[in-house]
Amino acid sequence: MSGALAAKGTCRTGAAGRGKIEFKLPEITRADFLEGRLAVFKGGKKILDQALWLFPPNMFAGSVNVIKEHNVQLSLGEKGEILEKLFRKLKIPYSTVPGGVDTAEPGILIECGIDFEERSSNAEVYLDLLERGVNIVVIPPVTGSIAIPLKGCGKLKFSAVSPHLRTGGKVLKKLRVFSGKCFKFECDGDEPEIKVSLGKGAGFSWIFAEYPKAEIVLVSCDLAREAASNPAAALLLKNILVKYGFKKQKIGKGVEE
């Protein structure tokens, strides 16, 4: 908060040494958050000093027009309706692809609640979408193995922390959004794809694959459940939709040849 004192308050402690401090924090009007510090003094001695992040009530409010331009489409499986409820609650612009995932248009396609065991040709489906400029995001709940096509893949990254939590040059490391599950992968040298599944134990929380006209992002964080109440999860979802990774010249306005 630029090093300035934003708010302060005092209180008397009871017999148990406990008290309640009330103070009014500044209104958050910027799109992301404000970073500050919370310090507590007793008898002139500092007894608490820790980071404090302040978020706006709806982190998506100032990004509606940008998200509209990115043409966000939802592909929802049996348990994916929770994501649509989240989008409605946060007033995030979107459309659905009831005609099947292969009918998605250039933009951002979010898959949630998908049983990939029922989609035997997933690598071919994704490859067709990628070649048409459809950026793909997969979030839990997820069942079965997700096939990432290797054909045309120019960059493939695996990470324990999603880079989509970066904003303003910083990473909110202490605001955890992990679902307790991670991605594990297997690759047969003779197969034109990498198979990825979500499970407990060691693994990766984020996978990114780049292609000539679009990209794939797999996120293990349970954004559909967390983003309504967890500001780090909301920031992660917002940055996926607005800021990071995607070939913006391809999104929402057709594929440029």
C-alpha atoms as a PDB file:
ATOM      1  CA  MET A   1       0.000   0.000   0.000  1.00  0.00           C
ATOM      2  CA  SER A   2       2.853   2.343  -0.930  1.00  0.00           C
ATOM      3  CA  GLY A   3       4.253   2.274   2.601  1.00  0.00           C
ATOM      4  CA  ALA A   4       1.456   4.519   3.942  1.00  0.00           C
ATOM      5  CA  LEU A   5      -0.676   3.753   6.985  1.00  0.00           C
ATOM      6  CA  ALA A   6      -4.049   2.632   5.609  1.00  0.00           C
ATOM      7  CA  ALA A   7      -5.969   1.993   8.836  1.00  0.00           C
ATOM      8  CA  LYS A   8      -5.442   1.550  12.564  1.00  0.00           C
ATOM      9  CA  GLY A   9      -7.383   0.629  15.686  1.00  0.00           C
ATOM     10  CA  THR A  10      -6.933  -0.014  19.412  1.00  0.00           C
ATOM     11  CA  CYS A  11      -8.518  -2.280  22.005  1.00  0.00           C
ATOM     12  CA  ARG A  12      -8.291  -3.357  25.631  1.00  0.00           C
ATOM     13  CA  THR A  13      -7.479  -6.979  26.411  1.00  0.00           C
ATOM     14  CA  GLY A  14      -9.463  -8.988  28.913  1.00  0.00           C
ATOM     15  CA  ALA A  15      -8.268 -11.225  31.719  1.00  0.00           C
ATOM     16  CA  ALA A  16      -7.308 -13.937  29.232  1.00  0.00           C
ATOM     17  CA  GLY A  17      -5.195 -11.483  27.263  1.00  0.00           C
ATOM     18  CA  ARG A  18      -7.603 -11.455  24.349  1.00  0.00           C
ATOM     19  CA  GLY A  19      -9.154  -8.508  22.580  1.00  0.00           C
ATOM     20  CA  LYS A  20     -10.861  -7.454  19.382  1.00  0.00           C
ATOM     21  CA  ILE A  21      -9.445  -4.748  17.148  1.00  0.00           C
ATOM     22  CA  GLU A  22     -11.819  -3.114  14.698  1.00  0.00           C
ATOM     23  CA  PHE A  23     -10.693  -0.845  11.876  1.00  0.00           C
ATOM     24  CA  LYS A  24     -11.985   0.166   8.470  1.00  0.00           C
ATOM     25  CA  LEU A  25      -9.895  -0.933   5.527  1.00  0.00           C
ATOM     26  CA  PRO A  26      -9.672   1.100   2.308  1.00  0.00           C
ATOM     27  CA  GLU A  27     -12.018   0.231  -0.566  1.00  0.00           C
ATOM     28  CA  ILE A  28     -10.363  -1.931  -3.208  1.00  0.00           C
ATOM     29  CA  THR A  29     -11.105  -0.497  -6.635  1.00  0.00           C
ATOM     30  CA  ARG A  30      -8.270  -1.900  -8.743  1.00  0.00           C
ATOM     31  CA  ALA A  31      -8.705  -5.146 -10.636  1.00  0.00           C
ATOM     32  CA  ASP A  32      -6.412  -7.501  -8.720  1.00  0.00           C
ATOM     33  CA  PHE A  33      -5.500  -6.797  -5.100  1.00  0.00           C
ATOM     34  CA  LEU A  34      -3.562  -4.607  -2.708  1.00  0.00           C
ATOM     35  CA  GLU A  35      -0.653  -5.986  -0.740  1.00  0.00           C
ATOM     36  CA  GLY A  36       0.072  -4.631   2.717  1.00  0.00           C
ATOM     37  CA  ARG A  37       1.147  -5.673   6.191  1.00  0.00           C
ATOM     38  CA  LEU A  38      -0.751  -6.176   9.429  1.00  0.00           C
ATOM     39  CA  ALA A  39       1.155  -5.173  12.558  1.00  0.00           C
ATOM     40  CA  VAL A  40      -0.034  -5.487  16.176  1.00  0.00           C
ATOM     41  CA  PHE A  41       1.689  -3.686  19.087  1.00  0.00           C
ATOM     42  CA  LYS A  42       1.344  -4.306  22.819  1.00  0.00           C
ATOM     43  CA  GLY A  43       2.933  -1.895  25.252  1.00  0.00           C
ATOM     44  CA  GLY A  44       4.920  -0.346  22.425  1.00  0.00           C
ATOM     45  CA  LYS A  45       6.325  -3.739  21.394  1.00  0.00           C
ATOM     46  CA  LYS A  46       5.453  -5.320  18.058  1.00  0.00           C
ATOM     47  CA  ILE A  47       3.910  -8.764  18.697  1.00  0.00           C
ATOM     48  CA  LEU A  48       2.608  -9.522  15.199  1.00  0.00           C
ATOM     49  CA  ASP A  49       3.756  -8.564  11.717  1.00  0.00           C
ATOM     50  CA  GLN A  50       2.459 -10.427   8.674  1.00  0.00           C
ATOM     51  CA  ALA A  51       1.459  -9.937   5.059  1.00  0.00           C
ATOM     52  CA  LEU A  52      -2.104  -8.884   4.305  1.00  0.00           C
ATOM     53  CA  TRP A  53      -3.752  -9.074   0.882  1.00  0.00           C
ATOM     54  CA  LEU A  54      -6.953  -7.141   0.184  1.00  0.00           C
ATOM     55  CA  PHE A  55      -9.165  -8.273  -2.684  1.00  0.00           C
ATOM     56  CA  PRO A  56     -12.206  -6.640  -4.333  1.00  0.00           C
ATOM     57  CA  PRO A  57     -15.620  -8.287  -3.722  1.00  0.00           C
ATOM     58  CA  ASN A  58     -15.764  -9.472  -7.346  1.00  0.00           C
ATOM     59  CA  MET A  59     -12.380  -9.797  -8.992  1.00  0.00           C
ATOM     60  CA  PHE A  60     -13.980 -10.220 -12.433  1.00  0.00           C
ATOM     61  CA  ALA A  61     -16.040  -7.014 -12.410  1.00  0.00           C
ATOM     62  CA  GLY A  62     -13.469  -4.942 -14.282  1.00  0.00           C
ATOM     63  CA  SER A  63     -12.603  -7.649 -16.813  1.00  0.00           C
ATOM     64  CA  VAL A  64     -16.000  -8.418 -18.357  1.00  0.00           C
ATOM     65  CA  ASN A  65     -15.255  -6.793 -21.721  1.00  0.00           C
ATOM     66  CA  VAL A  66     -11.887  -8.533 -22.089  1.00  0.00           C
ATOM     67  CA  ILE A  67     -13.382 -11.920 -21.209  1.00  0.00           C
ATOM     68  CA  LYS A  68     -16.167 -11.335 -23.751  1.00  0.00           C
ATOM     69  CA  GLU A  69     -13.531 -10.732 -26.437  1.00  0.00           C
ATOM     70  CA  HIS A  70     -11.851 -14.019 -25.505  1.00  0.00           C
ATOM     71  CA  ASN A  71     -15.062 -15.950 -26.226  1.00  0.00           C
ATOM     72  CA  VAL A  72     -15.128 -18.262 -23.182  1.00  0.00           C
ATOM     73  CA  GLN A  73     -17.046 -21.497 -23.792  1.00  0.00           C
ATOM     74  CA  LEU A  74     -17.892 -24.192 -21.247  1.00  0.00           C
ATOM     75  CA  SER A  75     -17.898 -27.924 -21.931  1.00  0.00           C
ATOM     76  CA  LEU A  76     -19.549 -29.494 -18.890  1.00  0.00           C
ATOM     77  CA  GLY A  77     -19.689 -33.132 -17.902  1.00  0.00           C
ATOM     78  CA  GLU A  78     -21.962 -34.783 -15.353  1.00  0.00           C
ATOM     79  CA  LYS A  79     -20.345 -32.941 -12.397  1.00  0.00           C
ATOM     80  CA  GLY A  80     -19.436 -29.793 -14.306  1.00  0.00           C
ATOM     81  CA  GLU A  81     -22.595 -27.831 -13.550  1.00  0.00           C
ATOM     82  CA  ILE A  82     -20.833 -26.402 -10.483  1.00  0.00           C
ATOM     83  CA  LEU A  83     -18.598 -24.370 -12.829  1.00  0.00           C
ATOM     84  CA  GLU A  84     -21.572 -22.860 -14.655  1.00  0.00           C
ATOM     85  CA  LYS A  85     -23.111 -21.889 -11.298  1.00  0.00           C
ATOM     86  CA  LEU A  86     -19.831 -20.167 -10.399  1.00  0.00           C
ATOM     87  CA  PHE A  87     -19.770 -18.215 -13.678  1.00  0.00           C
ATOM     88  CA  ARG A  88     -23.347 -17.085 -13.118  1.00  0.00           C
ATOM     89  CA  LYS A  89     -22.651 -16.032  -9.525  1.00  0.00           C
ATOM     90  CA  LEU A  90     -19.548 -14.023 -10.473  1.00  0.00           C
ATOM     91  CA  LYS A  91     -21.224 -12.695 -13.665  1.00  0.00           C
ATOM     92  CA  ILE A  92     -18.454 -14.019 -15.899  1.00  0.00           C
ATOM     93  CA  PRO A  93     -19.531 -13.929 -19.578  1.00  0.00           C
ATOM     94  CA  TYR A  94     -19.612 -17.358 -21.244  1.00  0.00           C
ATOM     95  CA  SER A  95     -21.450 -19.655 -23.620  1.00  0.00           C
ATOM     96  CA  THR A  96     -21.786 -23.446 -23.685  1.00  0.00           C
ATOM     97  CA  VAL A  97     -21.112 -26.058 -26.355  1.00  0.00           C
ATOM     98  CA  PRO A  98     -24.162 -28.340 -26.053  1.00  0.00           C
ATOM     99  CA  GLY A  99     -23.562 -29.677 -29.553  1.00  0.00           C
ATOM    100  CA  GLY A 100     -20.340 -31.405 -28.437  1.00  0.00           C
ATOM    101  CA  VAL A 101     -16.815 -30.254 -27.707  1.00  0.00           C
ATOM    102  CA  ASP A 102     -15.870 -30.470 -31.377  1.00  0.00           C
ATOM    103  CA  THR A 103     -18.293 -27.596 -32.124  1.00  0.00           C
ATOM    104  CA  ALA A 104     -16.272 -25.091 -30.055  1.00  0.00           C
ATOM    105  CA  GLU A 105     -15.240 -21.889 -31.837  1.00  0.00           C
ATOM    106  CA  PRO A 106     -11.911 -19.996 -31.645  1.00  0.00           C
ATOM    107  CA  GLY A 107     -11.473 -18.619 -28.138  1.00  0.00           C
ATOM    108  CA  ILE A 108     -11.137 -20.359 -24.762  1.00  0.00           C
ATOM    109  CA  LEU A 109     -12.798 -23.705 -24.101  1.00  0.00           C
ATOM    110  CA  ILE A 110     -13.022 -24.784 -20.442  1.00  0.00           C
ATOM    111  CA  GLU A 111     -13.693 -28.458 -19.781  1.00  0.00           C
ATOM    112  CA  CYS A 112     -14.997 -29.371 -16.316  1.00  0.00           C
ATOM    113  CA  GLY A 113     -16.503 -32.560 -14.922  1.00  0.00           C
ATOM    114  CA  ILE A 114     -15.419 -34.546 -17.963  1.00  0.00           C
ATOM    115  CA  ASP A 115     -15.085 -38.342 -17.969  1.00  0.00           C
ATOM    116  CA  PHE A 116     -12.267 -38.789 -20.486  1.00  0.00           C
ATOM    117  CA  GLU A 117     -12.734 -42.564 -20.499  1.00  0.00           C
ATOM    118  CA  GLU A 118     -15.847 -41.907 -22.574  1.00  0.00           C
ATOM    119  CA  ARG A 119     -13.845 -39.960 -25.164  1.00  0.00           C
ATOM    120  CA  SER A 120     -11.591 -42.528 -26.810  1.00  0.00           C
ATOM    121  CA  SER A 121     -10.335 -40.144 -29.509  1.00  0.00           C
ATOM    122  CA  ASN A 122      -9.569 -37.211 -27.204  1.00  0.00           C
ATOM    123  CA  ALA A 123      -6.123 -36.493 -28.708  1.00  0.00           C
ATOM    124  CA  GLU A 124      -7.638 -36.192 -32.183  1.00  0.00           C
ATOM    125  CA  VAL A 125     -10.480 -34.002 -30.886  1.00  0.00           C
ATOM    126  CA  TYR A 126      -8.047 -31.677 -29.121  1.00  0.00           C
ATOM    127  CA  LEU A 127      -5.705 -31.521 -32.099  1.00  0.00           C
ATOM    128  CA  ASP A 128      -8.563 -30.417 -34.355  1.00  0.00           C
ATOM    129  CA  LEU A 129      -9.592 -27.731 -31.862  1.00  0.00           C
ATOM    130  CA  LEU A 130      -6.033 -26.468 -31.442  1.00  0.00           C
ATOM    131  CA  GLU A 131      -5.546 -26.223 -35.195  1.00  0.00           C
ATOM    132  CA  ARG A 132      -8.704 -24.078 -35.358  1.00  0.00           C
ATOM    133  CA  GLY A 133      -7.460 -21.655 -32.690  1.00  0.00           C
ATOM    134  CA  VAL A 134      -9.396 -23.036 -29.714  1.00  0.00           C
ATOM    135  CA  ASN A 135      -7.403 -22.680 -26.463  1.00  0.00           C
ATOM    136  CA  ILE A 136      -8.259 -25.486 -24.022  1.00  0.00           C
ATOM    137  CA  VAL A 137      -8.420 -25.362 -20.220  1.00  0.00           C
ATOM    138  CA  VAL A 138      -9.181 -28.494 -18.171  1.00  0.00           C
ATOM    139  CA  ILE A 139     -10.095 -28.212 -14.478  1.00  0.00           C
ATOM    140  CA  PRO A 140     -11.442 -30.688 -11.881  1.00  0.00           C
ATOM    141  CA  PRO A 141     -13.482 -32.679 -11.425  1.00  0.00           C
ATOM    142  CA  VAL A 142     -11.818 -34.922 -14.007  1.00  0.00           C
ATOM    143  CA  THR A 143     -12.121 -38.684 -14.516  1.00  0.00           C
ATOM    144  CA  GLY A 144      -9.911 -40.887 -16.664  1.00  0.00           C
ATOM    145  CA  SER A 145      -6.817 -40.035 -18.684  1.00  0.00           C
ATOM    146  CA  ILE A 146      -6.478 -36.812 -20.660  1.00  0.00           C
ATOM    147  CA  ALA A 147      -4.605 -37.306 -23.945  1.00  0.00           C
ATOM    148  CA  ILE A 148      -2.360 -34.383 -24.895  1.00  0.00           C
ATOM    149  CA  PRO A 149      -1.396 -34.572 -28.589  1.00  0.00           C
ATOM    150  CA  LEU A 150       2.317 -34.289 -29.350  1.00  0.00           C
ATOM    151  CA  LYS A 151       1.861 -33.390 -33.010  1.00  0.00           C
ATOM    152  CA  GLY A 152       2.616 -29.708 -33.452  1.00  0.00           C
ATOM    153  CA  CYS A 153       3.451 -29.223 -29.770  1.00  0.00           C
ATOM    154  CA  GLY A 154       6.271 -26.670 -29.599  1.00  0.00           C
ATOM    155  CA  LYS A 155       6.497 -26.349 -25.830  1.00  0.00           C
ATOM    156  CA  LEU A 156       5.444 -28.632 -22.954  1.00  0.00           C
ATOM    157  CA  LYS A 157       5.807 -27.563 -19.310  1.00  0.00           C
ATOM    158  CA  PHE A 158       5.033 -29.227 -15.985  1.00  0.00           C
ATOM    159  CA  SER A 159       5.060 -27.257 -12.719  1.00  0.00           C
ATOM    160  CA  ALA A 160       4.165 -27.637  -9.034  1.00  0.00           C
ATOM    161  CA  VAL A 161       2.904 -24.031  -8.856  1.00  0.00           C
ATOM    162  CA  SER A 162       0.714 -22.431 -11.491  1.00  0.00           C
ATOM    163  CA  PRO A 163       2.322 -19.377 -13.140  1.00  0.00           C
ATOM    164  CA  HIS A 164      -1.217 -18.006 -13.485  1.00  0.00           C
ATOM    165  CA  LEU A 165      -0.944 -16.899  -9.841  1.00  0.00           C
ATOM    166  CA  ARG A 166       1.620 -14.329 -10.940  1.00  0.00           C
ATOM    167  CA  THR A 167       0.337 -10.786 -10.994  1.00  0.00           C
ATOM    168  CA  GLY A 168       2.205  -7.525 -10.656  1.00  0.00           C
ATOM    169  CA  GLY A 169       5.469  -9.469 -10.846  1.00  0.00           C
ATOM    170  CA  LYS A 170       4.723 -11.435  -7.664  1.00  0.00           C
ATOM    171  CA  VAL A 171       3.455 -14.876  -6.730  1.00  0.00           C
ATOM    172  CA  LEU A 172       0.929 -15.351  -3.942  1.00  0.00           C
ATOM    173  CA  LYS A 173       2.714 -18.387  -2.572  1.00  0.00           C
ATOM    174  CA  LYS A 174       1.000 -18.333   0.808  1.00  0.00           C
ATOM    175  CA  LEU A 175      -2.513 -18.406  -0.604  1.00  0.00           C
ATOM    176  CA  ARG A 176      -2.838 -22.083  -1.375  1.00  0.00           C
ATOM    177  CA  VAL A 177      -5.404 -23.357  -3.847  1.00  0.00           C
ATOM    178  CA  PHE A 178      -4.269 -26.927  -4.126  1.00  0.00           C
ATOM    179  CA  SER A 179      -6.958 -29.598  -4.324  1.00  0.00           C
ATOM    180  CA  GLY A 180      -4.806 -32.311  -2.747  1.00  0.00           C
ATOM    181  CA  LYS A 181      -4.474 -33.999  -6.131  1.00  0.00           C
ATOM    182  CA  CYS A 182      -1.815 -33.713  -8.818  1.00  0.00           C
ATOM    183  CA  PHE A 183      -1.362 -34.666 -12.456  1.00  0.00           C
ATOM    184  CA  LYS A 184       0.676 -37.746 -13.286  1.00  0.00           C
ATOM    185  CA  PHE A 185       1.638 -38.640 -16.813  1.00  0.00           C
ATOM    186  CA  GLU A 186       2.809 -41.549 -18.915  1.00  0.00           C
ATOM    187  CA  CYS A 187       4.248 -41.537 -22.396  1.00  0.00           C
ATOM    188  CA  ASP A 188       4.860 -44.432 -24.746  1.00  0.00           C
ATOM    189  CA  GLY A 189       7.517 -43.580 -27.316  1.00  0.00           C
ATOM    190  CA  ASP A 190       5.374 -45.120 -30.044  1.00  0.00           C
ATOM    191  CA  GLU A 191       2.261 -43.077 -29.208  1.00  0.00           C
ATOM    192  CA  PRO A 192       1.607 -39.572 -30.622  1.00  0.00           C
ATOM    193  CA  GLU A 193       0.288 -38.354 -27.257  1.00  0.00           C
ATOM    194  CA  ILE A 194       0.946 -38.027 -23.520  1.00  0.00           C
ATOM    195  CA  LYS A 195      -1.686 -39.414 -21.179  1.00  0.00           C
ATOM    196  CA  VAL A 196      -2.334 -37.419 -18.017  1.00  0.00           C
ATOM    197  CA  SER A 197      -4.492 -38.392 -15.040  1.00  0.00           C
ATOM    198  CA  LEU A 198      -5.392 -36.641 -11.787  1.00  0.00           C
ATOM    199  CA  GLY A 199      -4.700 -38.447  -8.520  1.00  0.00           C
ATOM    200  CA  LYS A 200      -3.261 -38.208  -5.017  1.00  0.00           C
ATOM    201  CA  GLY A 201       0.459 -38.196  -4.275  1.00  0.00           C
ATOM    202  CA  ALA A 202       3.429 -36.490  -5.885  1.00  0.00           C
ATOM    203  CA  GLY A 203       2.923 -34.936  -9.296  1.00  0.00           C
ATOM    204  CA  PHE A 204       2.254 -31.626 -11.020  1.00  0.00           C
ATOM    205  CA  SER A 205      -0.456 -29.044 -10.308  1.00  0.00           C
ATOM    206  CA  TRP A 206      -0.142 -27.331 -13.687  1.00  0.00           C
ATOM    207  CA  ILE A 207       0.587 -28.520 -17.242  1.00  0.00           C
ATOM    208  CA  PHE A 208       0.989 -26.246 -20.245  1.00  0.00           C
ATOM    209  CA  ALA A 209       1.299 -27.242 -23.920  1.00  0.00           C
ATOM    210  CA  GLU A 210       1.814 -24.741 -26.738  1.00  0.00           C
ATOM    211  CA  TYR A 211       0.838 -25.223 -30.387  1.00  0.00           C
ATOM    212  CA  PRO A 212       1.091 -22.932 -33.423  1.00  0.00           C
ATOM    213  CA  LYS A 213      -2.430 -21.487 -33.101  1.00  0.00           C
ATOM    214  CA  ALA A 214      -3.560 -22.249 -29.536  1.00  0.00           C
ATOM    215  CA  GLU A 215      -2.593 -23.746 -26.178  1.00  0.00           C
ATOM    216  CA  ILE A 216      -3.662 -26.287 -23.549  1.00  0.00           C
ATOM    217  CA  VAL A 217      -3.642 -25.560 -19.806  1.00  0.00           C
ATOM    218  CA  LEU A 218      -4.410 -28.277 -17.238  1.00  0.00           C
ATOM    219  CA  VAL A 219      -4.973 -27.068 -13.656  1.00  0.00           C
ATOM    220  CA  SER A 220      -5.319 -29.447 -10.708  1.00  0.00           C
ATOM    221  CA  CYS A 221      -6.756 -26.739  -8.407  1.00  0.00           C
ATOM    222  CA  ASP A 222     -10.480 -27.203  -7.798  1.00  0.00           C
ATOM    223  CA  LEU A 223     -11.411 -23.789  -9.207  1.00  0.00           C
ATOM    224  CA  ALA A 224     -15.068 -24.660  -9.745  1.00  0.00           C
ATOM    225  CA  ARG A 225     -15.545 -25.082  -5.982  1.00  0.00           C
ATOM    226  CA  GLU A 226     -12.964 -22.659  -4.627  1.00  0.00           C
ATOM    227  CA  ALA A 227     -13.153 -19.488  -6.730  1.00  0.00           C
ATOM    228  CA  ALA A 228     -16.373 -18.212  -5.123  1.00  0.00           C
ATOM    229  CA  SER A 229     -14.785 -17.959  -1.655  1.00  0.00           C
ATOM    230  CA  ASN A 230     -11.001 -18.323  -2.074  1.00  0.00           C
ATOM    231  CA  PRO A 231      -9.431 -15.136  -3.518  1.00  0.00           C
ATOM    232  CA  ALA A 232      -6.316 -16.984  -4.710  1.00  0.00           C
ATOM    233  CA  ALA A 233      -8.503 -19.397  -6.682  1.00  0.00           C
ATOM    234  CA  ALA A 234     -10.475 -16.482  -8.146  1.00  0.00           C
ATOM    235  CA  LEU A 235      -7.229 -14.738  -9.115  1.00  0.00           C
ATOM    236  CA  LEU A 236      -5.970 -17.932 -10.750  1.00  0.00           C
ATOM    237  CA  LEU A 237      -9.168 -18.319 -12.791  1.00  0.00           C
ATOM    238  CA  LYS A 238      -9.203 -14.657 -13.759  1.00  0.00           C
ATOM    239  CA  ASN A 239      -5.605 -14.713 -14.960  1.00  0.00           C
ATOM    240  CA  ILE A 240      -6.274 -17.830 -17.022  1.00  0.00           C
ATOM    241  CA  LEU A 241      -9.190 -16.069 -18.729  1.00  0.00           C
ATOM    242  CA  VAL A 242      -7.615 -12.620 -19.076  1.00  0.00           C
ATOM    243  CA  LYS A 243      -3.858 -12.324 -18.842  1.00  0.00           C
ATOM    244  CA  TYR A 244      -1.718 -15.339 -19.337  1.00  0.00           C
ATOM    245  CA  GLY A 245      -0.399 -17.672 -21.934  1.00  0.00           C
ATOM    246  CA  PHE A 246      -3.001 -17.534 -24.657  1.00  0.00           C
ATOM    247  CA  LYS A 247      -2.278 -16.325 -28.147  1.00  0.00           C
ATOM    248  CA  LYS A 248      -4.440 -13.240 -27.803  1.00  0.00           C
ATOM    249  CA  GLN A 249      -4.391 -12.348 -31.503  1.00  0.00           C
ATOM    250  CA  LYS A 250      -6.158 -15.670 -32.132  1.00  0.00           C
ATOM    251  CA  ILE A 251      -8.817 -15.357 -29.462  1.00  0.00           C
ATOM    252  CA  GLY A 252     -12.359 -14.277 -30.182  1.00  0.00           C
ATOM    253  CA  LYS A 253     -11.778 -12.964 -33.711  1.00  0.00           C
ATOM    254  CA  GLY A 254     -11.101 -16.139 -35.626  1.00  0.00           C
ATOM    255  CA  VAL A 255      -7.755 -17.630 -36.538  1.00  0.00           C
ATOM    256  CA  GLU A 256      -5.362 -15.461 -38.484  1.00  0.00           C
ATOM    257  CA  GLU A 257      -3.596 -17.273 -41.253  1.00  0.00           C
END
